[in-house]
Structures are given as structure tokens and as C-alpha cells.
N, C-alpha and C. Protein backbone atom coordinates (compact mmCIF):
# COMPACT_ATOMS: atom_id res chain seq x y z
N MET A 1 74.50 -12.03 177.08
CA MET A 1 73.24 -12.73 176.78
C MET A 1 73.12 -13.95 177.68
N THR A 2 71.95 -14.19 178.17
CA THR A 2 71.65 -15.39 178.93
C THR A 2 70.71 -16.33 178.30
N ASP A 3 70.45 -17.47 178.86
CA ASP A 3 69.47 -18.31 178.32
C ASP A 3 68.20 -18.22 179.07
N HIS A 4 68.07 -17.17 179.79
CA HIS A 4 66.75 -16.92 180.71
C HIS A 4 65.80 -16.22 179.78
N LYS A 5 64.58 -16.46 180.11
CA LYS A 5 63.55 -15.76 179.31
C LYS A 5 62.48 -15.10 180.20
N LEU A 6 61.89 -14.14 179.71
CA LEU A 6 60.70 -13.42 180.24
C LEU A 6 59.47 -13.63 179.50
N VAL A 7 58.56 -14.38 179.93
CA VAL A 7 57.30 -14.86 178.98
C VAL A 7 56.23 -13.90 179.51
N LEU A 8 55.43 -13.43 178.61
CA LEU A 8 54.31 -12.52 178.89
C LEU A 8 53.07 -13.25 178.41
N THR A 9 51.93 -13.26 179.39
CA THR A 9 50.80 -13.67 178.93
C THR A 9 49.68 -13.00 179.74
N THR A 10 48.41 -12.81 179.32
CA THR A 10 47.42 -12.18 180.05
C THR A 10 46.25 -13.19 180.41
N ALA A 11 45.49 -12.89 181.41
CA ALA A 11 44.37 -13.71 181.93
C ALA A 11 43.22 -12.80 182.01
N GLY A 12 42.03 -13.47 181.99
CA GLY A 12 40.70 -12.71 181.97
C GLY A 12 40.33 -12.59 183.46
N SER A 13 40.96 -13.14 184.42
CA SER A 13 40.57 -12.92 185.78
C SER A 13 41.66 -13.13 186.69
N GLN A 14 41.58 -12.68 187.91
CA GLN A 14 42.71 -12.84 188.89
C GLN A 14 42.86 -14.32 189.31
N ASP A 15 41.70 -14.94 189.37
CA ASP A 15 41.68 -16.45 189.64
C ASP A 15 42.45 -17.21 188.64
N GLU A 16 42.22 -16.98 187.32
CA GLU A 16 42.79 -17.63 186.27
C GLU A 16 44.40 -17.41 186.24
N ALA A 17 44.71 -16.12 186.44
CA ALA A 17 46.10 -15.58 186.52
C ALA A 17 46.78 -16.40 187.65
N ARG A 18 46.23 -16.49 188.77
CA ARG A 18 46.83 -17.18 189.92
C ARG A 18 46.99 -18.67 189.62
N ALA A 19 45.98 -19.24 189.02
CA ALA A 19 45.94 -20.72 188.70
C ALA A 19 47.18 -21.12 187.71
N ILE A 20 47.35 -20.22 186.72
CA ILE A 20 48.35 -20.40 185.77
C ILE A 20 49.67 -20.26 186.41
N ALA A 21 49.95 -19.13 187.22
CA ALA A 21 51.13 -18.90 188.01
C ALA A 21 51.46 -20.18 188.76
N ARG A 22 50.60 -20.55 189.58
CA ARG A 22 50.82 -21.77 190.59
C ARG A 22 51.12 -22.92 189.85
N ALA A 23 50.46 -23.29 188.76
CA ALA A 23 50.69 -24.43 187.92
C ALA A 23 52.10 -24.41 187.39
N LEU A 24 52.57 -23.27 186.75
CA LEU A 24 53.85 -23.20 186.31
C LEU A 24 54.97 -23.43 187.39
N LEU A 25 54.66 -22.76 188.54
CA LEU A 25 55.71 -22.97 189.62
C LEU A 25 55.66 -24.41 190.10
N GLU A 26 54.53 -25.05 190.34
CA GLU A 26 54.49 -26.45 190.73
C GLU A 26 55.14 -27.36 189.78
N ARG A 27 55.09 -27.07 188.54
CA ARG A 27 55.65 -27.87 187.45
C ARG A 27 57.20 -27.59 187.37
N ARG A 28 57.70 -26.58 187.98
CA ARG A 28 59.11 -26.15 188.02
C ARG A 28 59.33 -25.62 186.62
N LEU A 29 58.42 -24.94 185.95
CA LEU A 29 58.56 -24.30 184.62
C LEU A 29 58.91 -22.80 184.80
N ALA A 30 58.81 -22.28 186.02
CA ALA A 30 59.11 -20.76 186.23
C ALA A 30 59.79 -20.68 187.59
N ALA A 31 60.60 -19.68 187.74
CA ALA A 31 61.13 -19.37 189.00
C ALA A 31 60.25 -18.38 189.75
N CYS A 32 59.53 -17.58 189.09
CA CYS A 32 58.68 -16.47 189.60
C CYS A 32 57.73 -16.07 188.54
N VAL A 33 56.47 -15.85 189.03
CA VAL A 33 55.55 -15.15 188.12
C VAL A 33 54.97 -13.87 188.89
N ASN A 34 55.09 -12.77 188.31
CA ASN A 34 54.48 -11.60 188.79
C ASN A 34 53.14 -11.48 188.08
N ILE A 35 52.17 -11.02 188.85
CA ILE A 35 50.87 -10.75 188.30
C ILE A 35 50.51 -9.25 188.48
N VAL A 36 50.29 -8.61 187.34
CA VAL A 36 50.11 -7.18 187.37
C VAL A 36 48.50 -7.17 187.15
N SER A 37 47.81 -6.42 188.24
CA SER A 37 46.31 -6.55 188.16
C SER A 37 45.62 -5.49 187.29
N GLN A 38 44.61 -5.87 186.88
CA GLN A 38 43.62 -5.19 185.97
C GLN A 38 44.30 -4.08 185.19
N ILE A 39 44.93 -4.62 184.10
CA ILE A 39 45.43 -3.78 183.03
C ILE A 39 44.17 -3.62 181.99
N GLU A 40 44.20 -2.66 181.32
CA GLU A 40 43.11 -2.44 180.28
C GLU A 40 43.66 -2.73 178.93
N SER A 41 43.11 -3.76 178.19
CA SER A 41 43.49 -4.21 176.89
C SER A 41 42.53 -3.69 175.90
N ILE A 42 43.05 -3.25 174.78
CA ILE A 42 42.22 -2.93 173.60
C ILE A 42 42.77 -3.57 172.49
N TYR A 43 42.01 -4.47 171.73
CA TYR A 43 42.64 -5.29 170.80
C TYR A 43 41.74 -5.69 169.67
N ARG A 44 42.17 -6.16 168.53
CA ARG A 44 41.32 -6.58 167.54
C ARG A 44 41.10 -8.07 167.64
N TRP A 45 39.88 -8.54 167.56
CA TRP A 45 39.43 -9.99 167.71
C TRP A 45 38.40 -10.34 166.79
N LYS A 46 38.64 -11.14 165.89
CA LYS A 46 37.49 -11.70 164.80
C LYS A 46 36.93 -10.48 164.09
N GLY A 47 37.70 -9.55 163.77
CA GLY A 47 37.33 -8.37 162.94
C GLY A 47 36.72 -7.19 163.63
N ALA A 48 36.70 -7.26 164.96
CA ALA A 48 36.08 -6.16 165.84
C ALA A 48 37.10 -5.65 166.82
N VAL A 49 37.01 -4.37 167.23
CA VAL A 49 37.82 -3.87 168.27
C VAL A 49 37.18 -4.18 169.55
N GLU A 50 37.91 -4.80 170.46
CA GLU A 50 37.30 -5.16 171.79
C GLU A 50 38.14 -4.52 172.82
N GLU A 51 37.49 -4.51 174.02
CA GLU A 51 38.17 -3.90 175.29
C GLU A 51 37.88 -4.91 176.35
N ALA A 52 38.89 -5.09 177.34
CA ALA A 52 38.73 -5.94 178.32
C ALA A 52 39.64 -5.61 179.48
N GLN A 53 39.41 -5.89 180.81
CA GLN A 53 40.35 -5.88 181.90
C GLN A 53 40.89 -7.21 181.95
N GLU A 54 42.21 -7.25 182.05
CA GLU A 54 42.98 -8.50 182.10
C GLU A 54 44.14 -8.31 183.17
N TRP A 55 44.64 -9.49 183.52
CA TRP A 55 45.75 -9.47 184.46
C TRP A 55 47.00 -10.04 183.60
N LEU A 56 48.11 -9.28 183.80
CA LEU A 56 49.32 -9.58 183.16
C LEU A 56 50.24 -10.42 183.92
N LEU A 57 50.66 -11.44 183.31
CA LEU A 57 51.68 -12.44 183.91
C LEU A 57 53.04 -12.24 183.38
N LEU A 58 53.97 -11.97 184.34
CA LEU A 58 55.45 -11.74 183.93
C LEU A 58 56.08 -13.10 184.38
N ILE A 59 56.48 -13.99 183.48
CA ILE A 59 56.98 -15.34 183.86
C ILE A 59 58.52 -15.40 183.75
N LYS A 60 59.23 -15.66 184.83
CA LYS A 60 60.61 -15.81 184.60
C LYS A 60 61.02 -17.23 184.58
N THR A 61 61.63 -17.59 183.42
CA THR A 61 61.92 -19.01 183.15
C THR A 61 63.17 -19.15 182.37
N SER A 62 63.60 -20.28 181.74
CA SER A 62 64.78 -20.45 180.93
C SER A 62 64.40 -20.97 179.54
N ALA A 63 65.27 -20.72 178.73
CA ALA A 63 65.11 -21.26 177.35
C ALA A 63 64.79 -22.77 177.19
N SER A 64 65.35 -23.48 178.13
CA SER A 64 65.42 -25.00 177.95
C SER A 64 63.85 -25.49 178.18
N VAL A 65 63.04 -24.73 178.99
CA VAL A 65 61.75 -25.20 179.23
C VAL A 65 60.58 -24.33 178.57
N PHE A 66 61.06 -23.42 177.64
CA PHE A 66 60.08 -22.44 177.16
C PHE A 66 58.94 -23.30 176.35
N ASP A 67 59.29 -24.19 175.66
CA ASP A 67 58.22 -25.18 174.93
C ASP A 67 57.27 -25.74 175.80
N LYS A 68 57.55 -26.05 177.07
CA LYS A 68 56.74 -26.59 178.07
C LYS A 68 55.76 -25.52 178.67
N VAL A 69 56.46 -24.25 178.81
CA VAL A 69 55.81 -23.07 179.38
C VAL A 69 54.67 -22.78 178.40
N ARG A 70 55.03 -22.75 176.95
CA ARG A 70 54.01 -22.46 176.08
C ARG A 70 52.91 -23.40 176.05
N ALA A 71 53.25 -24.67 176.08
CA ALA A 71 52.21 -25.72 176.09
C ALA A 71 51.34 -25.68 177.21
N ALA A 72 51.92 -25.35 178.51
CA ALA A 72 51.16 -25.24 179.67
C ALA A 72 50.19 -24.05 179.66
N ILE A 73 50.56 -22.94 179.11
CA ILE A 73 49.62 -21.76 179.05
C ILE A 73 48.52 -22.18 178.05
N GLN A 74 48.90 -22.87 176.98
CA GLN A 74 47.79 -23.27 176.16
C GLN A 74 46.87 -24.27 176.81
N GLU A 75 47.25 -25.17 177.57
CA GLU A 75 46.48 -26.16 178.36
C GLU A 75 45.61 -25.41 179.43
N LEU A 76 46.18 -24.52 180.19
CA LEU A 76 45.61 -24.03 181.38
C LEU A 76 44.61 -22.82 181.06
N HIS A 77 44.77 -22.15 179.83
CA HIS A 77 44.19 -20.87 179.67
C HIS A 77 42.63 -20.96 179.16
N SER A 78 41.87 -20.08 179.46
CA SER A 78 40.53 -20.13 178.92
C SER A 78 40.35 -19.43 177.62
N TYR A 79 41.31 -18.66 177.10
CA TYR A 79 41.31 -18.04 175.89
C TYR A 79 41.55 -18.99 174.73
N GLU A 80 40.77 -18.75 173.60
CA GLU A 80 40.92 -19.51 172.37
C GLU A 80 42.43 -19.37 171.87
N VAL A 81 42.79 -18.05 171.93
CA VAL A 81 44.29 -17.87 171.44
C VAL A 81 44.98 -16.96 172.53
N PRO A 82 45.50 -17.68 173.54
CA PRO A 82 46.14 -17.02 174.63
C PRO A 82 47.46 -16.39 174.09
N GLU A 83 47.84 -15.25 174.78
CA GLU A 83 49.08 -14.51 174.51
C GLU A 83 50.15 -15.38 175.13
N CYS A 84 51.27 -15.47 174.38
CA CYS A 84 52.56 -16.21 174.84
C CYS A 84 53.60 -15.50 174.03
N ILE A 85 54.27 -14.54 174.68
CA ILE A 85 55.36 -13.88 174.07
C ILE A 85 56.58 -14.13 174.80
N CYS A 86 57.61 -14.38 174.25
CA CYS A 86 58.94 -14.81 174.91
C CYS A 86 59.89 -13.82 174.56
N LEU A 87 60.52 -13.27 175.59
CA LEU A 87 61.53 -12.20 175.45
C LEU A 87 62.89 -12.73 176.19
N THR A 88 64.02 -12.53 175.48
CA THR A 88 65.37 -12.80 176.09
C THR A 88 65.69 -11.91 177.24
N ILE A 89 66.18 -12.36 178.24
CA ILE A 89 66.74 -11.63 179.27
C ILE A 89 68.25 -11.44 178.98
N GLU A 90 68.64 -10.30 178.42
CA GLU A 90 70.02 -10.04 178.01
C GLU A 90 71.05 -10.08 179.11
N ASP A 91 70.64 -9.51 180.29
CA ASP A 91 71.65 -9.50 181.40
C ASP A 91 70.88 -9.20 182.66
N GLY A 92 71.58 -9.23 183.75
CA GLY A 92 70.90 -9.01 185.11
C GLY A 92 71.76 -9.40 186.19
N SER A 93 71.33 -9.24 187.37
CA SER A 93 72.09 -9.66 188.50
C SER A 93 72.49 -11.15 188.44
N SER A 94 73.75 -11.49 188.64
CA SER A 94 74.25 -12.84 188.46
C SER A 94 73.60 -13.81 189.49
N GLN A 95 73.32 -13.26 190.66
CA GLN A 95 72.66 -14.12 191.61
C GLN A 95 71.13 -14.40 191.32
N TYR A 96 70.49 -13.38 190.74
CA TYR A 96 69.13 -13.61 190.34
C TYR A 96 69.11 -14.55 189.15
N LEU A 97 69.93 -14.35 188.20
CA LEU A 97 69.89 -15.32 187.12
C LEU A 97 70.25 -16.74 187.50
N GLU A 98 71.18 -16.82 188.36
CA GLU A 98 71.55 -18.15 188.88
C GLU A 98 70.19 -18.81 189.58
N TRP A 99 69.54 -17.95 190.33
CA TRP A 99 68.37 -18.45 191.02
C TRP A 99 67.34 -18.94 190.08
N ILE A 100 67.13 -18.13 188.96
CA ILE A 100 66.24 -18.64 187.97
C ILE A 100 66.64 -20.04 187.42
N GLY A 101 67.86 -20.17 187.13
CA GLY A 101 68.35 -21.42 186.59
C GLY A 101 68.12 -22.56 187.58
N ASP A 102 68.44 -22.30 188.87
CA ASP A 102 68.27 -23.27 189.92
C ASP A 102 66.80 -23.68 190.22
N SER A 103 65.89 -22.82 189.82
CA SER A 103 64.50 -22.96 190.26
C SER A 103 63.70 -23.69 189.09
N VAL A 104 64.25 -23.76 187.89
CA VAL A 104 63.62 -24.31 186.69
C VAL A 104 64.18 -25.58 186.34
N ARG A 105 63.47 -26.61 185.99
CA ARG A 105 64.03 -27.78 185.41
C ARG A 105 63.17 -28.32 184.28
């Protein structure tokens, strides 16, 4: 088990996804953010089933800054309730995990 995390969030546009990714990197809250373009999301919101095209962000970070990542997503996001799901990275390449740790503060 590591102290590294994979955080998932979605954005309503490519520009918003890029802005969130860049801000997280500039603040040294993430080592890398992958943006998966135009996923189709079907979800329940305020009692209705909605559909939207979204961009998925895969944020590589560490447990020590997760609270700041969550706060930054809330601050930067246009959604009333932005997705912020944190998954533990159980294992991985030691060099890659070290790079995540070195990149985040």
C-alpha cells in the first residue's frame, strides 16, 4: 500500500478540464492529470435523469495534499456539486510512485 492517490473528477468542457488540471499542477497538488475527452455521463440530478458530455480528469497525487486537491476542485469547478472521488493506489512502479511523491508538496 502507498500513500499515493488517484482522484477522479469530471468537467463540462475541455477548457474547464484543462484549467483545473493546470491549476492543480501549478499549485503542486498533482504530479500528472490525464484528461479523457468526451465521455457520456448519465446521472440523476435534482430528481431527474440527465445526460451530458463530460471530460474525465485522472489526478495523480498523494494523501498528504488530498484535502487541498478537494478544496481546489470545489473552488475551480463550475458544477454545484463536482465529482471528487479519491482512490488509493495500492502498488505500482517504484520509480513512478517516487516521481509522484517528488512532484507533489
